[in-house]
């Protein structure tokens, strides 16, 4: 029987270093976050990178963590939904508050991935219109169909925050 080699990885998640000295080299970033670090905000949806429920930011760029090997993100800065809203009066990021205000969720399963993808979209500068938001959010599925509310929430944040706040 062949054994898979273990690797030593340090994931920098939400501003904190997390050494994982004996990580199976096949472990996805999603599984490392959920199973090893107990950060369960990122959801395991399709496991194929098609639904976006697992979206996180890696060095400020959105990625589907179900498709990313954790070992490849050694030393990179990972932001999950748990780390997005730190600080502020309510403890919520403007996107999180806008999703609440616009009822941008129903069951909530896709919401963390939707919000993280929206955070990346705003940083990328792709929120100039509702059509542009829909295009650049197309990799995130909502089975409940809250798309109009999600677009409204993102558009509000795009209109009310400066580039440094996104």
C-alpha atoms as a PDB file:
ATOM      1  CA  UNK A   1       0.000   0.000   0.000  1.00  0.00           C
ATOM      2  CA  UNK A   2       1.308   3.427  -0.979  1.00  0.00           C
ATOM      3  CA  UNK A   3       1.117   6.229   1.552  1.00  0.00           C
ATOM      4  CA  UNK A   4       0.601   9.838   0.636  1.00  0.00           C
ATOM      5  CA  UNK A   5       3.365  12.087   1.910  1.00  0.00           C
ATOM      6  CA  UNK A   6       2.564  14.585   4.622  1.00  0.00           C
ATOM      7  CA  UNK A   7       3.617  18.185   4.176  1.00  0.00           C
ATOM      8  CA  UNK A   8       4.270  20.972   6.622  1.00  0.00           C
ATOM      9  CA  UNK A   9       2.129  24.005   5.860  1.00  0.00           C
ATOM     10  CA  UNK A  10       1.488  27.279   7.655  1.00  0.00           C
ATOM     11  CA  UNK A  11      -1.779  28.845   6.646  1.00  0.00           C
ATOM     12  CA  UNK A  12      -2.204  32.536   7.452  1.00  0.00           C
ATOM     13  CA  UNK A  13      -5.941  32.786   7.962  1.00  0.00           C
ATOM     14  CA  UNK A  14      -7.761  35.929   9.051  1.00  0.00           C
ATOM     15  CA  UNK A  15      -4.537  37.471  10.302  1.00  0.00           C
ATOM     16  CA  UNK A  16      -3.332  34.478  12.312  1.00  0.00           C
ATOM     17  CA  UNK A  17      -0.678  31.865  11.468  1.00  0.00           C
ATOM     18  CA  UNK A  18      -1.823  28.248  11.722  1.00  0.00           C
ATOM     19  CA  UNK A  19       0.957  25.658  11.408  1.00  0.00           C
ATOM     20  CA  UNK A  20      -0.213  22.295  10.077  1.00  0.00           C
ATOM     21  CA  UNK A  21       2.922  20.146  10.372  1.00  0.00           C
ATOM     22  CA  UNK A  22       1.526  16.783   9.188  1.00  0.00           C
ATOM     23  CA  UNK A  23      -1.007  17.689   6.520  1.00  0.00           C
ATOM     24  CA  UNK A  24      -1.863  15.126   3.858  1.00  0.00           C
ATOM     25  CA  UNK A  25      -0.569  16.641   0.620  1.00  0.00           C
ATOM     26  CA  UNK A  26      -3.956  15.999  -1.056  1.00  0.00           C
ATOM     27  CA  UNK A  27      -5.907  18.118   1.447  1.00  0.00           C
ATOM     28  CA  UNK A  28      -7.890  20.917  -0.151  1.00  0.00           C
ATOM     29  CA  UNK A  29      -7.826  24.380   1.332  1.00  0.00           C
ATOM     30  CA  UNK A  30     -11.544  23.988   2.100  1.00  0.00           C
ATOM     31  CA  UNK A  31     -10.935  20.811   4.094  1.00  0.00           C
ATOM     32  CA  UNK A  32      -7.977  22.372   5.906  1.00  0.00           C
ATOM     33  CA  UNK A  33     -10.138  25.339   6.893  1.00  0.00           C
ATOM     34  CA  UNK A  34     -13.153  23.298   7.957  1.00  0.00           C
ATOM     35  CA  UNK A  35     -11.609  20.158   9.426  1.00  0.00           C
ATOM     36  CA  UNK A  36      -8.246  21.294  10.760  1.00  0.00           C
ATOM     37  CA  UNK A  37      -8.917  24.937  11.693  1.00  0.00           C
ATOM     38  CA  UNK A  38     -12.635  24.507  12.522  1.00  0.00           C
ATOM     39  CA  UNK A  39     -13.594  27.505  10.374  1.00  0.00           C
ATOM     40  CA  UNK A  40     -16.867  26.219   8.990  1.00  0.00           C
ATOM     41  CA  UNK A  41     -18.189  29.387   7.334  1.00  0.00           C
ATOM     42  CA  UNK A  42     -16.932  28.303   3.917  1.00  0.00           C
ATOM     43  CA  UNK A  43     -19.319  25.623   2.733  1.00  0.00           C
ATOM     44  CA  UNK A  44     -18.744  22.406   0.866  1.00  0.00           C
ATOM     45  CA  UNK A  45     -21.269  22.538  -1.948  1.00  0.00           C
ATOM     46  CA  UNK A  46     -20.552  20.755  -5.207  1.00  0.00           C
ATOM     47  CA  UNK A  47     -16.871  19.935  -4.629  1.00  0.00           C
ATOM     48  CA  UNK A  48     -16.264  20.769  -8.303  1.00  0.00           C
ATOM     49  CA  UNK A  49     -15.740  24.546  -8.161  1.00  0.00           C
ATOM     50  CA  UNK A  50     -19.058  25.210  -9.872  1.00  0.00           C
ATOM     51  CA  UNK A  51     -21.265  26.551  -7.062  1.00  0.00           C
ATOM     52  CA  UNK A  52     -18.974  29.010  -5.265  1.00  0.00           C
ATOM     53  CA  UNK A  53     -20.127  28.118  -1.734  1.00  0.00           C
ATOM     54  CA  UNK A  54     -16.473  27.594  -0.780  1.00  0.00           C
ATOM     55  CA  UNK A  55     -15.173  30.969  -2.028  1.00  0.00           C
ATOM     56  CA  UNK A  56     -12.458  32.609   0.091  1.00  0.00           C
ATOM     57  CA  UNK A  57      -9.899  35.317  -0.607  1.00  0.00           C
ATOM     58  CA  UNK A  58      -6.247  34.350  -1.081  1.00  0.00           C
ATOM     59  CA  UNK A  59      -3.956  37.374  -1.063  1.00  0.00           C
ATOM     60  CA  UNK A  60      -7.081  39.437  -1.817  1.00  0.00           C
ATOM     61  CA  UNK A  61      -8.203  37.377  -4.827  1.00  0.00           C
ATOM     62  CA  UNK A  62     -11.231  35.138  -4.770  1.00  0.00           C
ATOM     63  CA  UNK A  63     -10.686  31.430  -5.173  1.00  0.00           C
ATOM     64  CA  UNK A  64     -12.788  28.291  -4.936  1.00  0.00           C
ATOM     65  CA  UNK A  65     -11.202  26.596  -1.936  1.00  0.00           C
ATOM     66  CA  UNK A  66     -12.595  23.166  -2.858  1.00  0.00           C
ATOM     67  CA  UNK A  67     -10.278  23.150  -5.893  1.00  0.00           C
ATOM     68  CA  UNK A  68      -7.193  24.557  -4.153  1.00  0.00           C
ATOM     69  CA  UNK A  69      -4.622  22.330  -2.487  1.00  0.00           C
ATOM     70  CA  UNK A  70      -3.814  23.723   0.950  1.00  0.00           C
ATOM     71  CA  UNK A  71      -0.079  23.130   0.425  1.00  0.00           C
ATOM     72  CA  UNK A  72      -0.088  25.622  -2.438  1.00  0.00           C
ATOM     73  CA  UNK A  73      -1.313  28.354  -0.090  1.00  0.00           C
ATOM     74  CA  UNK A  74       1.495  27.986   2.438  1.00  0.00           C
ATOM     75  CA  UNK A  75       2.332  31.504   3.612  1.00  0.00           C
ATOM     76  CA  UNK A  76      -0.445  33.199   1.619  1.00  0.00           C
ATOM     77  CA  UNK A  77      -2.983  35.416   3.400  1.00  0.00           C
ATOM     78  CA  UNK A  78      -6.377  33.708   3.424  1.00  0.00           C
ATOM     79  CA  UNK A  79      -9.532  35.570   4.404  1.00  0.00           C
ATOM     80  CA  UNK A  80     -12.683  33.632   5.211  1.00  0.00           C
ATOM     81  CA  UNK A  81     -16.157  34.886   6.076  1.00  0.00           C
ATOM     82  CA  UNK A  82     -15.182  34.626   9.759  1.00  0.00           C
ATOM     83  CA  UNK A  83     -12.405  37.175   9.263  1.00  0.00           C
ATOM     84  CA  UNK A  84     -14.172  39.569   6.921  1.00  0.00           C
ATOM     85  CA  UNK A  85     -16.224  41.539   9.422  1.00  0.00           C
ATOM     86  CA  UNK A  86     -13.742  42.120  12.200  1.00  0.00           C
ATOM     87  CA  UNK A  87     -14.010  45.583  13.681  1.00  0.00           C
ATOM     88  CA  UNK A  88     -16.534  48.306  13.061  1.00  0.00           C
ATOM     89  CA  UNK A  89     -19.522  49.185  15.194  1.00  0.00           C
ATOM     90  CA  UNK A  90     -21.562  46.087  14.441  1.00  0.00           C
ATOM     91  CA  UNK A  91     -18.670  43.735  13.785  1.00  0.00           C
ATOM     92  CA  UNK A  92     -20.063  43.231  10.296  1.00  0.00           C
ATOM     93  CA  UNK A  93     -18.361  44.098   7.043  1.00  0.00           C
ATOM     94  CA  UNK A  94     -20.473  46.508   4.920  1.00  0.00           C
ATOM     95  CA  UNK A  95     -21.260  43.592   2.578  1.00  0.00           C
ATOM     96  CA  UNK A  96     -22.520  41.452   5.433  1.00  0.00           C
ATOM     97  CA  UNK A  97     -24.740  44.302   6.633  1.00  0.00           C
ATOM     98  CA  UNK A  98     -25.999  44.961   3.101  1.00  0.00           C
ATOM     99  CA  UNK A  99     -26.920  41.281   2.673  1.00  0.00           C
ATOM    100  CA  UNK A 100     -28.959  41.537   5.881  1.00  0.00           C
ATOM    101  CA  UNK A 101     -30.540  44.852   4.863  1.00  0.00           C
ATOM    102  CA  UNK A 102     -31.458  43.630   1.355  1.00  0.00           C
ATOM    103  CA  UNK A 103     -32.466  40.111   2.433  1.00  0.00           C
ATOM    104  CA  UNK A 104     -29.732  38.758   0.157  1.00  0.00           C
ATOM    105  CA  UNK A 105     -30.150  35.221   1.400  1.00  0.00           C
ATOM    106  CA  UNK A 106     -32.848  32.681   2.111  1.00  0.00           C
ATOM    107  CA  UNK A 107     -31.460  29.388   3.344  1.00  0.00           C
ATOM    108  CA  UNK A 108     -28.030  30.997   3.849  1.00  0.00           C
ATOM    109  CA  UNK A 109     -25.936  28.076   2.626  1.00  0.00           C
ATOM    110  CA  UNK A 110     -24.373  29.992  -0.263  1.00  0.00           C
ATOM    111  CA  UNK A 111     -24.185  33.301   1.613  1.00  0.00           C
ATOM    112  CA  UNK A 112     -20.582  33.077   2.880  1.00  0.00           C
ATOM    113  CA  UNK A 113     -19.330  32.263  -0.617  1.00  0.00           C
ATOM    114  CA  UNK A 114     -21.522  34.970  -2.150  1.00  0.00           C
ATOM    115  CA  UNK A 115     -20.183  37.575   0.288  1.00  0.00           C
ATOM    116  CA  UNK A 116     -16.551  36.542  -0.165  1.00  0.00           C
ATOM    117  CA  UNK A 117     -16.929  36.585  -3.945  1.00  0.00           C
ATOM    118  CA  UNK A 118     -18.580  40.014  -3.701  1.00  0.00           C
ATOM    119  CA  UNK A 119     -15.666  41.270  -1.578  1.00  0.00           C
ATOM    120  CA  UNK A 120     -13.264  40.127  -4.292  1.00  0.00           C
ATOM    121  CA  UNK A 121     -15.458  41.620  -7.012  1.00  0.00           C
ATOM    122  CA  UNK A 122     -15.444  45.004  -5.269  1.00  0.00           C
ATOM    123  CA  UNK A 123     -11.656  44.931  -4.867  1.00  0.00           C
ATOM    124  CA  UNK A 124     -11.332  44.077  -8.548  1.00  0.00           C
ATOM    125  CA  UNK A 125     -13.513  47.070  -9.456  1.00  0.00           C
ATOM    126  CA  UNK A 126     -16.244  45.049 -11.191  1.00  0.00           C
ATOM    127  CA  UNK A 127     -19.334  46.664  -9.683  1.00  0.00           C
ATOM    128  CA  UNK A 128     -20.009  49.434 -12.181  1.00  0.00           C
ATOM    129  CA  UNK A 129     -23.516  48.247 -13.026  1.00  0.00           C
ATOM    130  CA  UNK A 130     -26.029  45.559 -12.110  1.00  0.00           C
ATOM    131  CA  UNK A 131     -25.122  43.730 -15.333  1.00  0.00           C
ATOM    132  CA  UNK A 132     -21.424  43.783 -14.474  1.00  0.00           C
ATOM    133  CA  UNK A 133     -22.125  42.541 -10.936  1.00  0.00           C
ATOM    134  CA  UNK A 134     -24.233  39.671 -12.312  1.00  0.00           C
ATOM    135  CA  UNK A 135     -21.498  38.756 -14.806  1.00  0.00           C
ATOM    136  CA  UNK A 136     -18.701  38.723 -12.250  1.00  0.00           C
ATOM    137  CA  UNK A 137     -20.826  36.898  -9.649  1.00  0.00           C
ATOM    138  CA  UNK A 138     -21.856  34.221 -12.162  1.00  0.00           C
ATOM    139  CA  UNK A 139     -19.567  31.637 -10.543  1.00  0.00           C
ATOM    140  CA  UNK A 140     -21.678  31.674  -7.375  1.00  0.00           C
ATOM    141  CA  UNK A 141     -24.993  29.856  -7.393  1.00  0.00           C
ATOM    142  CA  UNK A 142     -27.968  30.489  -5.125  1.00  0.00           C
ATOM    143  CA  UNK A 143     -30.464  27.666  -5.253  1.00  0.00           C
ATOM    144  CA  UNK A 144     -33.061  29.826  -3.462  1.00  0.00           C
ATOM    145  CA  UNK A 145     -32.932  32.468  -6.190  1.00  0.00           C
ATOM    146  CA  UNK A 146     -32.037  35.540  -4.114  1.00  0.00           C
ATOM    147  CA  UNK A 147     -30.025  36.977  -7.014  1.00  0.00           C
ATOM    148  CA  UNK A 148     -31.851  40.323  -7.294  1.00  0.00           C
ATOM    149  CA  UNK A 149     -31.317  40.992  -3.590  1.00  0.00           C
ATOM    150  CA  UNK A 150     -27.664  39.916  -3.768  1.00  0.00           C
ATOM    151  CA  UNK A 151     -27.030  42.292  -6.678  1.00  0.00           C
ATOM    152  CA  UNK A 152     -28.787  45.110  -4.805  1.00  0.00           C
ATOM    153  CA  UNK A 153     -26.642  44.509  -1.709  1.00  0.00           C
ATOM    154  CA  UNK A 154     -23.408  44.551  -3.709  1.00  0.00           C
ATOM    155  CA  UNK A 155     -24.465  47.648  -5.661  1.00  0.00           C
ATOM    156  CA  UNK A 156     -25.232  49.490  -2.424  1.00  0.00           C
ATOM    157  CA  UNK A 157     -21.806  48.730  -0.988  1.00  0.00           C
ATOM    158  CA  UNK A 158     -20.125  49.682  -4.258  1.00  0.00           C
ATOM    159  CA  UNK A 159     -21.923  53.036  -4.205  1.00  0.00           C
ATOM    160  CA  UNK A 160     -21.322  53.845  -0.537  1.00  0.00           C
ATOM    161  CA  UNK A 161     -17.756  52.734   0.208  1.00  0.00           C
ATOM    162  CA  UNK A 162     -14.430  53.979  -0.998  1.00  0.00           C
ATOM    163  CA  UNK A 163     -11.833  51.723  -2.620  1.00  0.00           C
ATOM    164  CA  UNK A 164      -9.877  51.340   0.637  1.00  0.00           C
ATOM    165  CA  UNK A 165     -12.954  50.106   2.511  1.00  0.00           C
ATOM    166  CA  UNK A 166     -13.731  47.280   0.100  1.00  0.00           C
END
